[in-house]
Amino acid sequence: MRRIMNVILSILLLGSGLGESAYALSSDFHLGFESDFSRDVVVPSTFPILKAGLNSEGEHSTVDLELKMSPVHPKVYAISSKNAFYQITDSNPDDPSAFHFAFGRKWINWSEVDEDWGLGAFNSLDSWDRLRAFSQGLTGIFIDADSRTFHFNIFASALFLPEITPNVVIENNSFEYFHPQAVSAGPEAINLLNRATPLGYNLLIPSLSSIIFRPSVVLSIETKKISAPLYSKVSFGYLPLNYFPMALEASLAIPIDQVVVDLRPRLLSHTLASAEVAYEWNPELNSGLSVLRDQILPEASLPTDYTTAVLGTTTYLSPWIKLKNMELSYIYSQGGVSADIGPYANPNQNLFSSRVLYRNALQFKMSLFEFTGKFLHEFSIDANWIALDWNHAWSNHWNSFVGGDVISAEYNAAPNGGAEFLSDLRALDRIRLGVNYVF
């Protein structure tokens, strides 16, 4: 699946360069090396990364592309692109009723709470580094238009590219952890006949066509700041889930010394409805409220011998305030995941971590000179996350960074399920070092 995604992204990059000069497509090419250093309990505790990227913006096209790979583990790599599109503008762009047509891969902020908290609801995430995840664009056809009062964005596609996650590899029926953040892939043993019995895994990958050829459509309407400082936006979408919830089927091996587990990715779709309102107090201070409703649609019934989580509707509520280079925001979520069903269901704990990242959390983000930092507290599991990075440009070509993360969590999950994100990564205290050269 990752190879198919790479081919599709390459086609988008070639298409987005139509009509542009060679110089425009090579305006910013960079190579970099970085490494993460974690505690010995993390496997691997040292994680070197090679990066190569391209950024270009022409009159009608925008392209950014990045390849990340581990020189130590060749199966650990990812390629991502936030924007790779070609845009056609109408003959009079100064007309207040102007519209633009684009095709390719394009990022749009459909929902403030989705983007601010990295939920990955509308846009798929590049979460190869889950602690520095960012939104990628959607892939398809885009139309944006203006009236004197409103701005409209429309997206439609029959092509779906899922989010990028830490590489999880199954070899010899076992999970191989080549990426330090490939956690919570599944339990290693199960209690059978009052003894711990090892689990062996087999991943049942759906056909590529059933994964990538799936329809999606999104519409957003937002008001323009003409005279009043009040701003509002609503967005609606029907899209495939950007991730794959798992279902598990187990059977005994002969002799009875292992349980063989089949993992089946569930190809689900969901509907999204987002509404937000914001007020600009002055050019440096604004505040707002964002609401998101994420309803996962029913799927064809799984066989009764499969164990999986019951997924439903999640509602997110997030007030926020921004002052210069600082932001304080809060998130509250309800619903989304219930107890597992199936023969191996545990009423007190889900087999797999949910995608409800936060239940009741507060975060503070700031950018000061060359430093960026974040403090996040998740009340439901008494978890803390401190992130700090220093980026310095030594010249027009060379830049480097030093950073790190410290995470703690008292509980594995919230009492009503979800919020496992920080508890899954609490062992991953790390230091990050990197250098980058721009040609």
Protein backbone atom coordinates (compact mmCIF):
# COMPACT_ATOMS: atom_id res chain seq x y z
CA MET A 1 0.00 0.00 0.00
CA ARG A 2 2.83 2.40 0.81
CA ARG A 3 4.36 1.78 -2.65
CA ILE A 4 1.09 2.60 -4.38
CA MET A 5 0.84 5.82 -2.38
CA ASN A 6 4.36 6.75 -3.45
CA VAL A 7 3.49 6.21 -7.13
CA ILE A 8 0.35 8.35 -6.82
CA LEU A 9 2.26 11.16 -5.13
CA SER A 10 4.88 11.04 -7.90
CA ILE A 11 2.16 11.42 -10.54
CA LEU A 12 0.73 14.38 -8.64
CA LEU A 13 4.14 16.02 -8.49
CA LEU A 14 4.67 15.63 -12.23
CA GLY A 15 1.20 16.93 -12.99
CA SER A 16 1.51 19.94 -10.70
CA GLY A 17 4.60 21.06 -12.57
CA LEU A 18 2.85 21.44 -15.93
CA GLY A 19 3.49 24.85 -17.44
CA GLU A 20 6.18 25.79 -14.89
CA SER A 21 9.86 26.36 -15.54
CA ALA A 22 12.49 23.88 -14.40
CA TYR A 23 13.86 26.54 -12.09
CA ALA A 24 10.50 26.88 -10.33
CA LEU A 25 10.43 23.19 -9.57
CA SER A 26 13.93 23.21 -8.11
CA SER A 27 13.71 26.42 -6.09
CA ASP A 28 14.16 24.70 -2.73
CA PHE A 29 15.69 21.24 -2.43
CA HIS A 30 16.99 20.15 0.95
CA LEU A 31 18.80 17.21 2.51
CA GLY A 32 18.92 16.52 6.21
CA PHE A 33 19.98 14.11 8.90
CA GLU A 34 18.56 13.78 12.38
CA SER A 35 18.48 11.29 15.21
CA ASP A 36 16.26 10.56 18.20
CA PHE A 37 17.73 9.32 21.47
CA SER A 38 15.31 7.64 23.87
CA ARG A 39 15.53 5.50 26.97
CA ASP A 40 16.73 1.88 26.76
CA VAL A 41 13.18 0.56 27.23
CA VAL A 42 12.33 1.96 23.78
CA VAL A 43 13.20 -0.25 20.79
CA PRO A 44 15.17 1.06 18.99
CA SER A 45 16.40 3.60 21.53
CA THR A 46 18.55 5.39 18.91
CA PHE A 47 16.73 6.21 15.69
CA PRO A 48 18.71 7.94 12.88
CA ILE A 49 16.70 9.48 10.02
CA LEU A 50 17.67 10.69 6.55
CA LYS A 51 15.45 13.29 4.90
CA ALA A 52 15.18 14.74 1.40
CA GLY A 53 12.61 17.32 0.41
CA LEU A 54 11.41 19.63 -2.31
CA ASN A 55 9.46 22.88 -1.96
CA SER A 56 8.33 24.95 -4.94
CA GLU A 57 5.70 27.59 -5.56
CA GLY A 58 5.01 28.85 -9.08
CA GLU A 59 2.35 31.03 -10.62
CA HIS A 60 -0.11 28.16 -10.94
CA SER A 61 1.35 25.34 -8.88
CA THR A 62 2.53 24.54 -5.38
CA VAL A 63 4.61 21.49 -4.55
CA ASP A 64 6.14 20.19 -1.35
CA LEU A 65 7.47 16.68 -0.92
CA GLU A 66 9.49 14.94 1.76
CA LEU A 67 11.04 11.50 1.93
CA LYS A 68 12.04 10.14 5.35
CA MET A 69 13.87 6.89 5.92
CA SER A 70 16.01 5.10 8.44
CA PRO A 71 19.50 4.18 7.16
CA VAL A 72 19.57 1.34 9.70
CA HIS A 73 16.19 -0.26 8.94
CA PRO A 74 15.33 -0.16 5.19
CA LYS A 75 11.69 -1.11 5.84
CA VAL A 76 11.17 2.08 7.83
CA TYR A 77 10.42 4.95 5.47
CA ALA A 78 7.66 7.36 4.47
CA ILE A 79 6.92 9.86 1.74
CA SER A 80 4.50 12.71 2.33
CA SER A 81 3.19 15.80 0.60
CA LYS A 82 1.05 18.54 2.07
CA ASN A 83 0.52 20.30 -1.27
CA ALA A 84 1.09 19.14 -4.84
CA PHE A 85 -1.51 20.84 -7.00
CA TYR A 86 -2.01 22.79 -10.22
CA GLN A 87 -4.43 25.72 -10.03
CA ILE A 88 -6.41 27.53 -12.71
CA THR A 89 -7.55 31.07 -11.89
CA ASP A 90 -10.36 32.85 -13.68
CA SER A 91 -9.54 35.73 -16.02
CA ASN A 92 -10.14 38.48 -13.43
CA PRO A 93 -8.75 37.50 -10.02
CA ASP A 94 -9.54 40.98 -8.62
CA ASP A 95 -13.26 40.37 -9.12
CA PRO A 96 -14.88 39.77 -5.68
CA SER A 97 -16.76 36.85 -7.21
CA ALA A 98 -13.56 35.17 -8.49
CA PHE A 99 -13.16 31.43 -8.34
CA HIS A 100 -10.24 29.01 -8.58
CA PHE A 101 -10.09 25.45 -9.82
CA ALA A 102 -7.28 23.10 -8.72
CA PHE A 103 -6.47 19.43 -8.96
CA GLY A 104 -3.91 17.38 -7.07
CA ARG A 105 -3.15 17.35 -3.38
CA LYS A 106 -4.06 20.46 -1.39
CA TRP A 107 -4.27 21.43 2.26
CA ILE A 108 -7.23 23.44 3.54
CA ASN A 109 -8.08 24.25 7.15
CA TRP A 110 -11.57 22.76 7.34
CA SER A 111 -11.82 22.81 11.15
CA GLU A 112 -9.82 24.68 13.80
CA VAL A 113 -10.16 22.01 16.49
CA ASP A 114 -9.13 19.32 13.99
CA GLU A 115 -5.97 21.19 13.00
CA ASP A 116 -5.07 22.61 16.42
CA TRP A 117 -5.22 19.23 18.17
CA GLY A 118 -4.02 17.03 15.30
CA LEU A 119 -7.13 14.85 15.21
CA GLY A 120 -6.77 13.85 11.55
CA ALA A 121 -10.52 13.96 10.92
CA PHE A 122 -10.75 15.95 7.67
CA ASN A 123 -7.14 15.94 6.47
CA SER A 124 -4.96 12.86 6.77
CA LEU A 125 -1.95 13.16 9.06
CA ASP A 126 1.72 12.63 8.54
CA SER A 127 2.23 11.03 11.94
CA TRP A 128 5.40 9.11 11.10
CA ASP A 129 6.67 11.07 14.09
CA ARG A 130 3.54 11.01 16.24
CA LEU A 131 4.89 13.75 18.51
CA ARG A 132 5.40 16.13 15.56
CA ALA A 133 2.43 15.10 13.42
CA PHE A 134 1.03 17.54 10.87
CA SER A 135 -1.86 17.61 8.40
CA GLN A 136 -1.42 16.65 4.79
CA GLY A 137 -3.77 17.74 2.07
CA LEU A 138 -6.61 15.83 0.46
CA THR A 139 -6.23 14.48 -3.08
CA GLY A 140 -8.77 15.32 -5.76
CA ILE A 141 -10.50 18.33 -7.31
CA PHE A 142 -10.85 21.67 -5.50
CA ILE A 143 -13.02 24.69 -6.21
CA ASP A 144 -12.93 27.85 -4.13
CA ALA A 145 -15.13 30.83 -4.84
CA ASP A 146 -15.94 34.20 -3.31
CA SER A 147 -18.94 36.41 -2.97
CA ARG A 148 -18.89 39.80 -1.29
CA THR A 149 -19.74 38.21 2.05
CA PHE A 150 -18.71 34.55 1.93
CA HIS A 151 -15.86 32.30 0.85
CA PHE A 152 -16.63 28.77 -0.36
CA ASN A 153 -14.39 25.69 -0.59
CA ILE A 154 -15.52 22.50 -2.33
CA PHE A 155 -13.56 19.25 -2.58
CA ALA A 156 -14.49 16.02 -4.35
CA SER A 157 -12.54 12.88 -5.14
CA ALA A 158 -12.73 9.18 -5.83
CA LEU A 159 -9.13 8.66 -4.66
CA PHE A 160 -8.14 8.16 -1.04
CA LEU A 161 -4.66 8.23 0.52
CA PRO A 162 -4.60 7.22 4.20
CA GLU A 163 -2.47 8.84 6.84
CA ILE A 164 1.20 8.01 7.34
CA THR A 165 2.01 6.20 10.58
CA PRO A 166 5.10 4.65 12.17
CA ASN A 167 6.00 1.54 10.19
CA VAL A 168 4.65 -1.64 11.77
CA VAL A 169 6.17 -4.82 10.33
CA ILE A 170 4.94 -8.40 10.91
CA GLU A 171 7.55 -11.08 10.26
CA ASN A 172 7.31 -14.74 11.28
CA ASN A 173 3.92 -14.00 12.87
CA SER A 174 5.46 -11.44 15.23
CA PHE A 175 5.57 -7.67 15.35
CA GLU A 176 9.03 -6.29 14.56
CA TYR A 177 9.63 -2.90 16.13
CA PHE A 178 11.96 -1.04 13.76
CA HIS A 179 10.34 2.31 14.55
CA PRO A 180 10.45 3.56 18.17
CA GLN A 181 6.87 4.84 18.00
CA ALA A 182 5.32 1.65 16.59
CA VAL A 183 3.58 0.98 19.89
CA SER A 184 0.25 -0.60 20.80
CA ALA A 185 0.25 -2.74 17.68
CA GLY A 186 -1.36 -5.54 19.69
CA PRO A 187 -0.92 -7.65 22.83
CA GLU A 188 1.92 -10.17 22.89
CA ALA A 189 0.06 -12.79 24.94
CA ILE A 190 -3.46 -13.71 25.98
CA ASN A 191 -4.75 -15.48 29.07
CA LEU A 192 -5.83 -18.97 28.00
CA LEU A 193 -6.63 -21.80 30.41
CA ASN A 194 -5.23 -19.70 33.25
CA ARG A 195 -1.84 -19.23 31.64
CA ALA A 196 -0.28 -16.64 29.40
CA THR A 197 -0.24 -17.97 25.83
CA PRO A 198 1.86 -16.23 23.13
CA LEU A 199 0.11 -14.59 20.20
CA GLY A 200 1.15 -14.98 16.58
CA TYR A 201 -0.13 -12.44 14.05
CA ASN A 202 -1.20 -12.54 10.43
CA LEU A 203 -2.26 -9.31 8.70
CA LEU A 204 -5.11 -9.67 6.19
CA ILE A 205 -4.49 -6.74 3.83
CA PRO A 206 -7.52 -5.73 1.72
CA SER A 207 -7.11 -5.27 -2.01
CA LEU A 208 -5.44 -2.01 -3.02
CA SER A 209 -8.40 -0.96 -5.12
CA SER A 210 -10.76 -1.29 -2.15
CA ILE A 211 -8.41 0.92 -0.10
CA ILE A 212 -7.63 3.79 -2.46
CA PHE A 213 -10.70 4.03 -4.73
CA ARG A 214 -13.19 5.46 -2.26
CA PRO A 215 -15.32 8.59 -2.69
CA SER A 216 -15.16 11.74 -0.58
CA VAL A 217 -16.65 15.23 -0.66
CA VAL A 218 -16.21 18.28 1.60
CA LEU A 219 -17.87 21.70 1.60
CA SER A 220 -17.04 24.74 3.75
CA ILE A 221 -18.59 28.21 3.95
CA GLU A 222 -16.96 31.02 5.89
CA THR A 223 -17.69 34.68 6.38
CA LYS A 224 -15.31 37.43 5.32
CA LYS A 225 -13.93 40.01 7.74
CA ILE A 226 -15.20 43.11 5.99
CA SER A 227 -16.17 45.48 8.79
CA ALA A 228 -17.18 43.33 11.77
CA PRO A 229 -14.40 41.50 13.66
CA LEU A 230 -16.65 38.45 14.01
CA TYR A 231 -15.80 35.43 11.87
CA SER A 232 -17.61 32.12 11.42
CA LYS A 233 -17.20 28.95 9.38
CA VAL A 234 -19.08 25.70 8.87
CA SER A 235 -17.75 22.57 7.14
CA PHE A 236 -19.40 19.31 6.16
CA GLY A 237 -17.75 16.20 4.82
CA TYR A 238 -18.20 12.60 3.79
CA LEU A 239 -14.83 10.83 3.70
CA PRO A 240 -13.12 7.51 4.37
CA LEU A 241 -11.57 7.22 7.82
CA ASN A 242 -7.93 8.28 7.51
CA TYR A 243 -6.87 5.30 9.62
CA PHE A 244 -7.80 1.61 9.81
CA PRO A 245 -9.43 0.28 13.01
CA MET A 246 -8.55 -3.36 13.55
CA ALA A 247 -10.65 -6.49 14.06
CA LEU A 248 -9.06 -9.61 15.55
CA GLU A 249 -9.83 -13.28 14.96
CA ALA A 250 -7.96 -15.93 16.96
CA SER A 251 -7.61 -19.69 16.61
CA LEU A 252 -5.52 -22.28 18.45
CA ALA A 253 -2.37 -23.68 16.91
CA ILE A 254 -1.47 -27.35 17.20
CA PRO A 255 0.10 -28.12 19.64
CA ILE A 256 -1.65 -25.66 21.92
CA ASP A 257 1.35 -23.44 22.53
CA GLN A 258 0.32 -20.39 20.53
CA VAL A 259 -2.78 -18.49 19.53
CA VAL A 260 -2.74 -17.51 15.85
CA VAL A 261 -4.35 -14.12 15.32
CA ASP A 262 -5.70 -12.69 12.07
CA LEU A 263 -5.81 -8.88 11.98
CA ARG A 264 -8.32 -7.39 9.58
CA PRO A 265 -8.22 -3.65 8.84
CA ARG A 266 -11.72 -2.19 8.78
CA LEU A 267 -12.41 0.13 5.82
CA LEU A 268 -14.85 2.62 7.30
CA SER A 269 -16.25 5.99 6.25
CA HIS A 270 -17.56 8.84 8.35
CA THR A 271 -19.47 12.08 8.11
CA LEU A 272 -18.08 15.26 9.62
CA ALA A 273 -19.76 18.48 10.66
CA SER A 274 -17.74 21.39 12.02
CA ALA A 275 -18.77 24.87 13.16
CA GLU A 276 -16.67 27.64 14.62
CA VAL A 277 -16.88 31.26 15.55
CA ALA A 278 -14.02 33.64 16.33
CA TYR A 279 -13.65 37.27 17.39
CA GLU A 280 -10.70 39.54 16.62
CA TRP A 281 -10.21 41.86 19.55
CA ASN A 282 -7.21 43.53 17.91
CA PRO A 283 -4.64 42.52 15.28
CA GLU A 284 -2.68 40.50 17.89
CA LEU A 285 -5.49 39.03 20.00
CA ASN A 286 -8.35 36.79 18.94
CA SER A 287 -10.41 34.04 20.51
CA GLY A 288 -12.93 31.50 19.35
CA LEU A 289 -14.90 28.32 19.82
CA SER A 290 -14.77 25.27 17.54
CA VAL A 291 -17.10 22.25 17.54
CA LEU A 292 -16.65 19.04 15.54
CA ARG A 293 -19.00 16.06 15.21
CA ASP A 294 -17.44 12.89 13.80
CA GLN A 295 -19.93 10.13 13.01
CA ILE A 296 -18.53 6.77 11.88
CA LEU A 297 -20.92 5.03 9.52
CA PRO A 298 -21.99 1.39 10.02
CA GLU A 299 -20.09 -1.29 8.17
CA ALA A 300 -21.06 -4.71 6.90
CA SER A 301 -21.35 -7.05 9.87
CA LEU A 302 -18.17 -8.86 10.81
CA PRO A 303 -18.27 -12.59 11.58
CA THR A 304 -19.12 -13.30 15.21
CA ASP A 305 -15.67 -14.81 15.85
CA TYR A 306 -14.01 -11.39 15.37
CA THR A 307 -13.23 -9.13 18.31
CA THR A 308 -13.28 -5.39 17.71
CA ALA A 309 -14.28 -2.09 19.26
CA VAL A 310 -17.71 -0.56 18.76
CA LEU A 311 -17.14 2.82 17.11
CA GLY A 312 -19.72 5.58 17.16
CA THR A 313 -20.06 9.35 17.10
CA THR A 314 -17.47 11.60 18.75
CA THR A 315 -18.24 15.21 19.59
CA TYR A 316 -15.36 17.64 20.21
CA LEU A 317 -15.62 21.07 21.83
CA SER A 318 -12.64 23.43 21.89
CA PRO A 319 -12.42 27.08 23.03
CA TRP A 320 -9.15 28.87 22.30
CA ILE A 321 -7.38 32.20 22.60
CA LYS A 322 -4.37 33.44 20.61
CA LEU A 323 -2.08 36.33 21.50
CA LYS A 324 0.85 37.10 19.20
CA ASN A 325 2.95 33.92 19.19
CA MET A 326 1.09 32.21 22.02
CA GLU A 327 -2.02 30.05 22.09
CA LEU A 328 -4.06 28.53 24.91
CA SER A 329 -6.73 25.97 24.00
CA TYR A 330 -8.88 23.34 25.65
CA ILE A 331 -10.58 20.24 24.24
CA TYR A 332 -13.40 18.10 25.54
CA SER A 333 -14.68 15.01 23.73
CA GLN A 334 -17.57 12.66 24.29
CA GLY A 335 -18.46 9.30 22.72
CA GLY A 336 -16.60 7.66 19.88
CA VAL A 337 -15.62 4.29 21.30
CA SER A 338 -17.28 1.66 23.45
CA ALA A 339 -16.19 -1.68 24.90
CA ASP A 340 -15.00 -4.41 22.54
CA ILE A 341 -17.39 -7.07 21.33
CA GLY A 342 -16.45 -10.63 20.39
CA PRO A 343 -15.08 -13.77 22.01
CA TYR A 344 -11.90 -12.10 23.33
CA ALA A 345 -13.52 -8.87 24.47
CA ASN A 346 -12.50 -7.46 27.84
CA PRO A 347 -15.21 -5.19 29.28
CA ASN A 348 -12.58 -3.16 31.13
CA GLN A 349 -10.04 -2.58 28.36
CA ASN A 350 -9.98 -2.37 24.55
CA LEU A 351 -7.55 -4.65 22.72
CA PHE A 352 -6.39 -1.77 20.52
CA SER A 353 -5.90 1.88 21.33
CA SER A 354 -8.72 4.09 20.07
CA ARG A 355 -8.42 7.10 17.81
CA VAL A 356 -10.02 9.38 20.41
CA LEU A 357 -6.72 11.10 21.22
CA TYR A 358 -7.95 13.40 23.99
CA ARG A 359 -10.89 13.44 26.39
CA ASN A 360 -10.33 16.44 28.62
CA ALA A 361 -7.12 18.31 27.88
CA LEU A 362 -5.50 21.74 28.01
CA GLN A 363 -2.53 22.87 25.93
CA PHE A 364 -0.33 25.95 25.75
CA LYS A 365 1.82 26.61 22.69
CA MET A 366 4.32 29.36 22.09
CA SER A 367 6.94 30.52 19.61
CA LEU A 368 9.65 32.86 20.85
CA PHE A 369 12.62 33.85 18.69
CA GLU A 370 14.06 30.52 17.54
CA PHE A 371 12.26 28.44 20.18
CA THR A 372 8.94 26.62 19.94
CA GLY A 373 7.36 24.86 22.87
CA LYS A 374 4.22 23.14 24.05
CA PHE A 375 2.80 21.99 27.36
CA LEU A 376 -0.23 19.68 27.31
CA HIS A 377 -2.10 18.17 30.24
CA GLU A 378 -4.71 15.43 29.80
CA PHE A 379 -6.90 15.45 32.91
CA SER A 380 -8.66 12.12 32.27
CA ILE A 381 -5.45 10.04 32.57
CA ASP A 382 -3.38 12.60 34.54
CA ALA A 383 -0.85 12.90 31.70
CA ASN A 384 1.65 15.62 30.82
CA TRP A 385 3.57 16.31 27.64
CA ILE A 386 6.35 18.90 27.41
CA ALA A 387 7.88 19.57 23.98
CA LEU A 388 10.63 22.07 23.20
CA ASP A 389 12.60 22.74 20.00
CA TRP A 390 15.33 25.22 19.07
CA ASN A 391 15.83 25.88 15.36
CA HIS A 392 18.78 27.97 14.22
CA ALA A 393 19.79 29.09 10.72
CA TRP A 394 23.60 29.32 10.52
CA SER A 395 23.48 30.61 6.93
CA ASN A 396 21.19 30.70 3.93
CA HIS A 397 21.97 27.02 3.37
CA TRP A 398 22.65 25.44 6.77
CA ASN A 399 20.28 25.12 9.69
CA SER A 400 20.07 22.82 12.69
CA PHE A 401 17.74 21.98 15.52
CA VAL A 402 17.86 20.59 19.04
CA GLY A 403 14.71 19.47 20.81
CA GLY A 404 13.04 16.92 22.97
CA ASP A 405 9.91 15.55 24.61
CA VAL A 406 9.04 14.46 28.14
CA ILE A 407 5.81 12.50 28.67
CA SER A 408 4.16 11.05 31.76
CA ALA A 409 0.79 9.36 32.28
CA GLU A 410 -0.82 7.91 35.41
CA TYR A 411 -3.48 5.78 33.70
CA ASN A 412 -3.71 3.82 30.43
CA ALA A 413 -7.05 5.19 29.25
CA ALA A 414 -9.87 7.48 30.26
CA PRO A 415 -12.70 6.00 32.36
CA ASN A 416 -15.03 6.27 29.35
CA GLY A 417 -12.39 4.96 26.91
CA GLY A 418 -10.02 6.83 24.63
CA ALA A 419 -7.18 9.23 25.47
CA GLU A 420 -4.55 6.49 25.12
CA PHE A 421 -2.32 8.65 22.92
CA LEU A 422 -0.01 9.96 25.66
CA SER A 423 -0.06 6.77 27.73
CA ASP A 424 1.06 4.78 24.67
CA LEU A 425 4.06 7.10 24.24
CA ARG A 426 4.95 7.77 27.88
CA ALA A 427 8.18 5.74 27.66
CA LEU A 428 9.33 7.84 24.71
CA ASP A 429 11.19 10.60 26.53
CA ARG A 430 13.69 11.67 23.91
CA ILE A 431 16.27 14.16 22.67
CA ARG A 432 16.22 15.20 19.00
CA LEU A 433 19.21 16.49 17.03
CA GLY A 434 19.28 17.38 13.36
CA VAL A 435 20.99 19.34 10.60
CA ASN A 436 19.61 20.42 7.23
CA TYR A 437 21.16 21.81 4.03
CA VAL A 438 19.11 23.80 1.52
CA PHE A 439 20.45 23.91 -2.04
